[in-house]
């Protein structure tokens, strides 16, 4: 009996020493699992995962147009959406690039001589062209060629007057009914915001203007319609309007079909975003200013807080003078 009790007393400290690391390991494991569980249940984690998912879906949709598992939801066929236009290297697409103003001037000439016969430009006034593609005298001369209805005068009657800089571009038709009657029931859209109003923007407009081809075998086009694979459905009421040498540029640029399409699309892109160049200029100024303010703020922060963060505090306990 004594030997057993002695063995138990001798072994109990060893058992306690072995149980202490095991308890420590269990405690560390439980604490790490608790921290991981709290991390999974935190709102920050939920917001981060949601943001990552939404960003991934948005980026995939931006690259490929639609999600693969949602393609079957559409009731229409893929060909009804039209051929997706390729991406063209427009000179104004760069982060700090501006419009080609010579191209804007040529594009306005194409619009005036070709497109203005059917399409309006309601949101652009003559004054908007000043300093962009033409001088003040040139715009005044072009505006005065157009007769505008104004009034009433002192006798209460409407009258005709030459155009001025404040007037907007004249419409080809007096109303929507006249526009439909002159185009076999189709309404030519206003071109002021056409680049921003169409999916694909400038790429789509350029591809549409240069994409007229004969319909493939098995595709029937009604009388009065034209085949263009970039137009939704393939059948478009507007016939091909750009042909080589159709206009004669003032600067001697060869008036090929692609050149005229590029110039008129650049003009329409400017019409949709006349503030484009100024916006990029203001953005560059803002970046420079905010960068300078950030550097100054960091310097002031270090200048103010470095002495405070690096100082040492010594504590001298009171001395007992009773002894």
Protein backbone atom coordinates (compact mmCIF):
# COMPACT_ATOMS: atom_id res chain seq x y z
CA UNK A 1 0.00 0.00 0.00
CA UNK A 2 2.74 2.38 0.88
CA UNK A 3 4.56 1.72 -2.35
CA UNK A 4 1.42 2.39 -4.41
CA UNK A 5 0.70 5.64 -2.60
CA UNK A 6 4.29 6.70 -3.03
CA UNK A 7 4.15 5.97 -6.77
CA UNK A 8 0.94 7.96 -7.12
CA UNK A 9 2.39 10.93 -5.26
CA UNK A 10 5.52 10.77 -7.38
CA UNK A 11 3.56 10.52 -10.66
CA UNK A 12 1.01 13.27 -9.93
CA UNK A 13 3.44 16.19 -10.60
CA UNK A 14 4.42 14.62 -13.91
CA UNK A 15 0.78 14.27 -14.94
CA UNK A 16 0.10 17.88 -14.02
CA UNK A 17 3.11 19.02 -16.06
CA UNK A 18 1.86 17.11 -19.11
CA UNK A 19 -1.69 18.39 -18.74
CA UNK A 20 -0.59 22.06 -18.68
CA UNK A 21 0.77 22.14 -22.29
CA UNK A 22 -2.28 20.21 -23.44
CA UNK A 23 -4.57 22.79 -21.84
CA UNK A 24 -2.51 25.57 -23.36
CA UNK A 25 -2.80 23.96 -26.79
CA UNK A 26 -6.53 23.50 -26.36
CA UNK A 27 -6.91 27.10 -25.25
CA UNK A 28 -4.88 28.44 -28.21
CA UNK A 29 -6.84 26.27 -30.62
CA UNK A 30 -10.16 27.40 -29.23
CA UNK A 31 -9.09 31.05 -29.24
CA UNK A 32 -7.88 30.85 -32.86
CA UNK A 33 -11.08 29.12 -33.95
CA UNK A 34 -13.11 31.74 -32.10
CA UNK A 35 -11.21 34.56 -33.79
CA UNK A 36 -11.66 32.94 -37.20
CA UNK A 37 -15.37 32.44 -36.53
CA UNK A 38 -15.77 36.07 -35.46
CA UNK A 39 -13.90 37.16 -38.60
CA UNK A 40 -16.31 35.17 -40.77
CA UNK A 41 -19.31 36.62 -38.97
CA UNK A 42 -18.13 40.23 -39.03
CA UNK A 43 -19.92 42.83 -41.12
CA UNK A 44 -16.66 43.93 -42.69
CA UNK A 45 -16.10 40.45 -44.11
CA UNK A 46 -19.66 40.34 -45.46
CA UNK A 47 -19.28 43.76 -47.07
CA UNK A 48 -15.89 42.83 -48.57
CA UNK A 49 -17.19 39.58 -50.07
CA UNK A 50 -20.28 41.34 -51.44
CA UNK A 51 -18.16 44.09 -52.97
CA UNK A 52 -15.76 41.57 -54.50
CA UNK A 53 -18.65 39.59 -56.01
CA UNK A 54 -20.39 42.66 -57.41
CA UNK A 55 -17.12 43.96 -58.83
CA UNK A 56 -16.32 40.64 -60.49
CA UNK A 57 -19.78 40.46 -62.07
CA UNK A 58 -19.56 44.06 -63.27
CA UNK A 59 -16.09 43.56 -64.74
CA UNK A 60 -17.13 40.35 -66.53
CA UNK A 61 -20.22 42.08 -67.91
CA UNK A 62 -18.07 45.01 -69.08
CA UNK A 63 -15.70 42.68 -70.91
CA UNK A 64 -18.13 40.18 -72.42
CA UNK A 65 -21.48 41.99 -72.46
CA UNK A 66 -23.54 39.49 -70.45
CA UNK A 67 -23.22 36.66 -67.97
CA UNK A 68 -23.08 33.14 -69.43
CA UNK A 69 -25.77 31.73 -67.13
CA UNK A 70 -28.20 34.56 -67.99
CA UNK A 71 -28.01 34.19 -71.77
CA UNK A 72 -30.95 31.80 -71.85
CA UNK A 73 -33.21 34.29 -70.07
CA UNK A 74 -33.46 36.55 -73.13
CA UNK A 75 -36.51 35.91 -75.28
CA UNK A 76 -34.85 37.32 -78.40
CA UNK A 77 -32.16 35.64 -80.43
CA UNK A 78 -28.56 36.80 -80.17
CA UNK A 79 -28.63 37.99 -83.78
CA UNK A 80 -31.48 40.39 -82.93
CA UNK A 81 -29.06 42.46 -80.87
CA UNK A 82 -26.81 43.14 -83.85
CA UNK A 83 -23.14 42.38 -84.40
CA UNK A 84 -20.96 43.70 -81.60
CA UNK A 85 -18.76 46.53 -82.95
CA UNK A 86 -14.98 46.25 -82.63
CA UNK A 87 -12.99 48.63 -80.48
CA UNK A 88 -11.32 51.42 -82.43
CA UNK A 89 -8.37 53.54 -81.21
CA UNK A 90 -10.07 56.94 -81.02
CA UNK A 91 -7.57 59.75 -80.32
CA UNK A 92 -9.74 61.22 -77.54
CA UNK A 93 -10.02 58.00 -75.52
CA UNK A 94 -6.75 58.49 -73.66
CA UNK A 95 -6.72 59.63 -70.06
CA UNK A 96 -5.28 63.04 -70.97
CA UNK A 97 -6.10 63.13 -74.71
CA UNK A 98 -8.43 65.65 -76.32
CA UNK A 99 -10.54 65.73 -79.45
CA UNK A 100 -8.96 66.14 -82.85
CA UNK A 101 -10.43 69.55 -83.67
CA UNK A 102 -9.49 69.35 -87.34
CA UNK A 103 -11.53 66.14 -87.47
CA UNK A 104 -14.43 67.92 -85.75
CA UNK A 105 -14.38 70.59 -88.45
CA UNK A 106 -14.39 67.99 -91.22
CA UNK A 107 -17.08 66.03 -89.38
CA UNK A 108 -19.34 69.07 -89.26
CA UNK A 109 -18.92 69.44 -93.01
CA UNK A 110 -20.02 65.83 -93.48
CA UNK A 111 -22.99 66.38 -91.18
CA UNK A 112 -24.03 69.59 -92.97
CA UNK A 113 -23.73 68.15 -96.48
CA UNK A 114 -24.96 64.59 -95.83
CA UNK A 115 -26.61 63.95 -92.47
CA UNK A 116 -28.48 67.25 -92.00
CA UNK A 117 -30.92 66.32 -94.78
CA UNK A 118 -32.68 63.90 -92.39
CA UNK A 119 -31.21 64.21 -88.89
CA UNK A 120 -31.52 67.15 -86.50
CA UNK A 121 -29.01 68.45 -83.97
CA UNK A 122 -31.36 70.16 -81.54
CA UNK A 123 -29.00 70.61 -78.58
CA UNK A 124 -26.15 72.34 -80.44
CA UNK A 125 -26.22 76.09 -81.05
CA UNK A 126 -24.04 77.95 -83.53
CA UNK A 127 -22.07 79.52 -80.69
CA UNK A 128 -20.96 76.08 -79.49
CA UNK A 129 -18.77 75.71 -82.60
CA UNK A 130 -16.85 78.93 -81.93
CA UNK A 131 -13.29 78.15 -80.86
CA UNK A 132 -13.83 74.43 -81.38
CA UNK A 133 -13.91 73.99 -85.15
CA UNK A 134 -14.55 77.46 -86.61
CA UNK A 135 -13.90 81.11 -85.91
CA UNK A 136 -16.55 83.63 -84.89
CA UNK A 137 -16.74 85.18 -88.35
CA UNK A 138 -17.13 81.78 -90.02
CA UNK A 139 -19.95 80.79 -87.68
CA UNK A 140 -21.72 84.13 -88.12
CA UNK A 141 -21.59 83.75 -91.90
CA UNK A 142 -22.99 80.19 -91.73
CA UNK A 143 -25.74 81.19 -89.30
CA UNK A 144 -26.84 84.12 -91.47
CA UNK A 145 -27.43 81.76 -94.37
CA UNK A 146 -30.38 80.24 -92.46
CA UNK A 147 -33.72 82.04 -92.11
CA UNK A 148 -35.32 81.71 -88.67
CA UNK A 149 -38.91 82.50 -87.72
CA UNK A 150 -39.01 85.09 -84.95
CA UNK A 151 -41.51 87.42 -83.41
CA UNK A 152 -44.01 88.67 -82.90
CA UNK A 153 -43.08 92.16 -84.03
CA UNK A 154 -44.78 95.42 -83.06
CA UNK A 155 -47.70 94.50 -85.29
CA UNK A 156 -48.12 91.07 -83.70
CA UNK A 157 -46.88 89.13 -86.71
CA UNK A 158 -44.11 86.58 -87.02
CA UNK A 159 -41.23 87.40 -89.35
CA UNK A 160 -38.15 85.85 -90.88
CA UNK A 161 -34.66 86.95 -89.90
CA UNK A 162 -31.08 85.74 -90.54
CA UNK A 163 -29.65 83.39 -87.98
CA UNK A 164 -27.34 84.49 -85.19
CA UNK A 165 -24.90 82.81 -82.82
CA UNK A 166 -27.53 82.16 -80.15
CA UNK A 167 -29.78 80.16 -82.50
CA UNK A 168 -29.76 76.37 -82.50
CA UNK A 169 -29.08 74.21 -85.52
CA UNK A 170 -32.09 74.13 -87.85
CA UNK A 171 -34.13 70.93 -88.02
CA UNK A 172 -34.70 69.32 -91.44
CA UNK A 173 -38.43 68.82 -90.76
CA UNK A 174 -40.95 71.10 -89.02
CA UNK A 175 -42.42 68.28 -86.90
CA UNK A 176 -42.32 64.53 -86.27
CA UNK A 177 -45.17 63.75 -88.67
CA UNK A 178 -43.36 65.44 -91.54
CA UNK A 179 -40.19 63.52 -90.69
CA UNK A 180 -42.03 60.18 -90.77
CA UNK A 181 -43.82 61.09 -94.00
CA UNK A 182 -40.51 61.86 -95.68
CA UNK A 183 -38.83 58.60 -94.56
CA UNK A 184 -41.46 55.92 -95.24
CA UNK A 185 -42.75 55.97 -91.68
CA UNK A 186 -39.34 55.83 -89.99
CA UNK A 187 -38.33 58.66 -87.64
CA UNK A 188 -34.69 59.77 -88.05
CA UNK A 189 -33.29 60.22 -84.53
CA UNK A 190 -31.77 63.44 -83.28
CA UNK A 191 -27.97 63.18 -83.32
CA UNK A 192 -27.15 65.49 -80.42
CA UNK A 193 -26.65 62.63 -77.93
CA UNK A 194 -26.57 59.67 -80.30
CA UNK A 195 -23.05 58.60 -79.29
CA UNK A 196 -24.02 58.39 -75.62
CA UNK A 197 -27.46 56.94 -76.36
CA UNK A 198 -26.23 53.83 -78.19
CA UNK A 199 -24.45 50.84 -76.69
CA UNK A 200 -20.93 50.86 -78.07
CA UNK A 201 -20.88 54.63 -78.51
CA UNK A 202 -18.57 55.91 -81.23
CA UNK A 203 -17.52 52.37 -82.20
CA UNK A 204 -21.13 51.45 -82.93
CA UNK A 205 -21.84 54.57 -85.02
CA UNK A 206 -18.65 54.10 -87.07
CA UNK A 207 -19.37 50.39 -87.62
CA UNK A 208 -22.95 51.19 -88.62
CA UNK A 209 -21.91 53.80 -91.20
CA UNK A 210 -19.31 51.52 -92.77
CA UNK A 211 -21.03 48.16 -92.27
CA UNK A 212 -23.51 48.00 -95.17
CA UNK A 213 -23.20 44.69 -97.02
CA UNK A 214 -25.39 42.41 -99.08
CA UNK A 215 -27.63 40.16 -96.97
CA UNK A 216 -26.29 36.62 -96.55
CA UNK A 217 -28.02 33.60 -98.01
CA UNK A 218 -31.29 32.83 -96.29
CA UNK A 219 -31.86 36.37 -94.99
CA UNK A 220 -34.73 38.26 -96.60
CA UNK A 221 -34.95 42.05 -96.42
CA UNK A 222 -38.21 43.84 -97.16
CA UNK A 223 -38.45 46.46 -99.87
CA UNK A 224 -37.21 49.81 -98.69
CA UNK A 225 -34.96 48.25 -96.01
CA UNK A 226 -31.19 47.71 -96.07
CA UNK A 227 -29.03 45.04 -94.46
CA UNK A 228 -26.50 46.07 -91.84
CA UNK A 229 -25.25 43.40 -89.41
CA UNK A 230 -24.43 46.00 -86.73
CA UNK A 231 -28.04 47.23 -86.54
CA UNK A 232 -30.32 45.27 -84.18
CA UNK A 233 -32.28 42.85 -86.32
CA UNK A 234 -30.09 43.48 -89.37
CA UNK A 235 -32.72 45.49 -91.30
CA UNK A 236 -32.34 49.28 -91.21
CA UNK A 237 -34.40 51.90 -93.01
CA UNK A 238 -31.46 54.24 -93.60
CA UNK A 239 -29.60 53.43 -96.78
CA UNK A 240 -25.85 53.75 -97.14
CA UNK A 241 -25.03 57.45 -97.36
CA UNK A 242 -21.21 57.59 -97.36
CA UNK A 243 -19.28 56.88 -100.54
CA UNK A 244 -15.72 57.71 -101.55
CA UNK A 245 -15.38 61.30 -102.74
CA UNK A 246 -18.86 62.34 -101.61
CA UNK A 247 -17.57 65.58 -100.05
CA UNK A 248 -14.55 67.72 -100.79
CA UNK A 249 -12.62 68.62 -97.67
CA UNK A 250 -11.25 72.14 -97.36
CA UNK A 251 -7.88 70.92 -96.06
CA UNK A 252 -7.39 68.43 -98.89
CA UNK A 253 -7.89 65.28 -96.81
CA UNK A 254 -8.96 62.34 -99.04
CA UNK A 255 -12.69 61.86 -98.53
CA UNK A 256 -12.80 58.08 -98.28
CA UNK A 257 -15.77 56.33 -96.70
CA UNK A 258 -13.86 55.43 -93.56
CA UNK A 259 -12.38 58.93 -93.27
CA UNK A 260 -15.79 60.60 -93.55
CA UNK A 261 -17.27 58.13 -91.05
CA UNK A 262 -14.42 58.77 -88.62
CA UNK A 263 -14.78 62.56 -88.92
CA UNK A 264 -18.56 62.67 -88.53
CA UNK A 265 -18.41 60.29 -85.55
CA UNK A 266 -15.78 62.51 -83.92
CA UNK A 267 -18.06 65.51 -84.49
CA UNK A 268 -21.05 63.68 -83.01
CA UNK A 269 -18.97 62.55 -80.05
CA UNK A 270 -18.04 66.17 -79.40
CA UNK A 271 -21.72 67.17 -79.77
CA UNK A 272 -22.63 64.63 -77.08
CA UNK A 273 -19.81 65.77 -74.77
CA UNK A 274 -18.82 69.37 -75.58
CA UNK A 275 -17.27 69.65 -72.10
CA UNK A 276 -14.94 66.68 -72.76
CA UNK A 277 -11.68 68.61 -73.11
CA UNK A 278 -12.38 71.02 -70.26
CA UNK A 279 -13.39 68.12 -67.99
CA UNK A 280 -10.06 66.39 -68.51
CA UNK A 281 -8.19 69.66 -68.03
CA UNK A 282 -10.04 70.31 -64.76
CA UNK A 283 -9.41 66.74 -63.66
CA UNK A 284 -5.66 67.11 -64.24
CA UNK A 285 -5.64 70.33 -62.22
CA UNK A 286 -7.55 68.63 -59.41
CA UNK A 287 -5.13 65.69 -59.33
CA UNK A 288 -2.12 68.01 -59.17
CA UNK A 289 -3.70 70.15 -56.44
CA UNK A 290 -4.83 67.22 -54.31
CA UNK A 291 -1.46 65.49 -54.69
CA UNK A 292 0.33 68.62 -53.51
CA UNK A 293 -2.07 69.00 -50.57
CA UNK A 294 -1.53 65.34 -49.64
CA UNK A 295 2.26 65.76 -49.57
CA UNK A 296 1.95 68.93 -47.48
CA UNK A 297 -0.46 67.22 -45.08
CA UNK A 298 1.90 64.27 -44.58
CA UNK A 299 4.81 66.63 -43.93
CA UNK A 300 2.85 68.69 -41.41
CA UNK A 301 1.65 65.54 -39.68
CA UNK A 302 5.20 64.21 -39.31
CA UNK A 303 6.47 67.62 -38.24
CA UNK A 304 3.84 67.94 -35.51
CA UNK A 305 3.69 64.37 -34.23
CA UNK A 306 7.31 63.20 -34.48
CA UNK A 307 8.43 65.02 -31.27
CA UNK A 308 5.36 63.77 -29.41
CA UNK A 309 5.65 60.15 -30.51
CA UNK A 310 9.41 59.95 -29.87
CA UNK A 311 9.60 61.62 -26.46
CA UNK A 312 10.42 59.62 -23.33
CA UNK A 313 8.57 59.94 -20.05
CA UNK A 314 10.50 59.14 -16.85
CA UNK A 315 8.81 58.51 -13.56
CA UNK A 316 10.69 59.35 -10.36
CA UNK A 317 8.93 57.79 -7.37
CA UNK A 318 8.82 59.91 -4.25
CA UNK A 319 11.64 59.33 -1.77
CA UNK A 320 10.73 58.29 1.73
CA UNK A 321 12.55 60.79 3.95
CA UNK A 322 11.39 59.34 7.26
CA UNK A 323 14.47 57.15 7.55
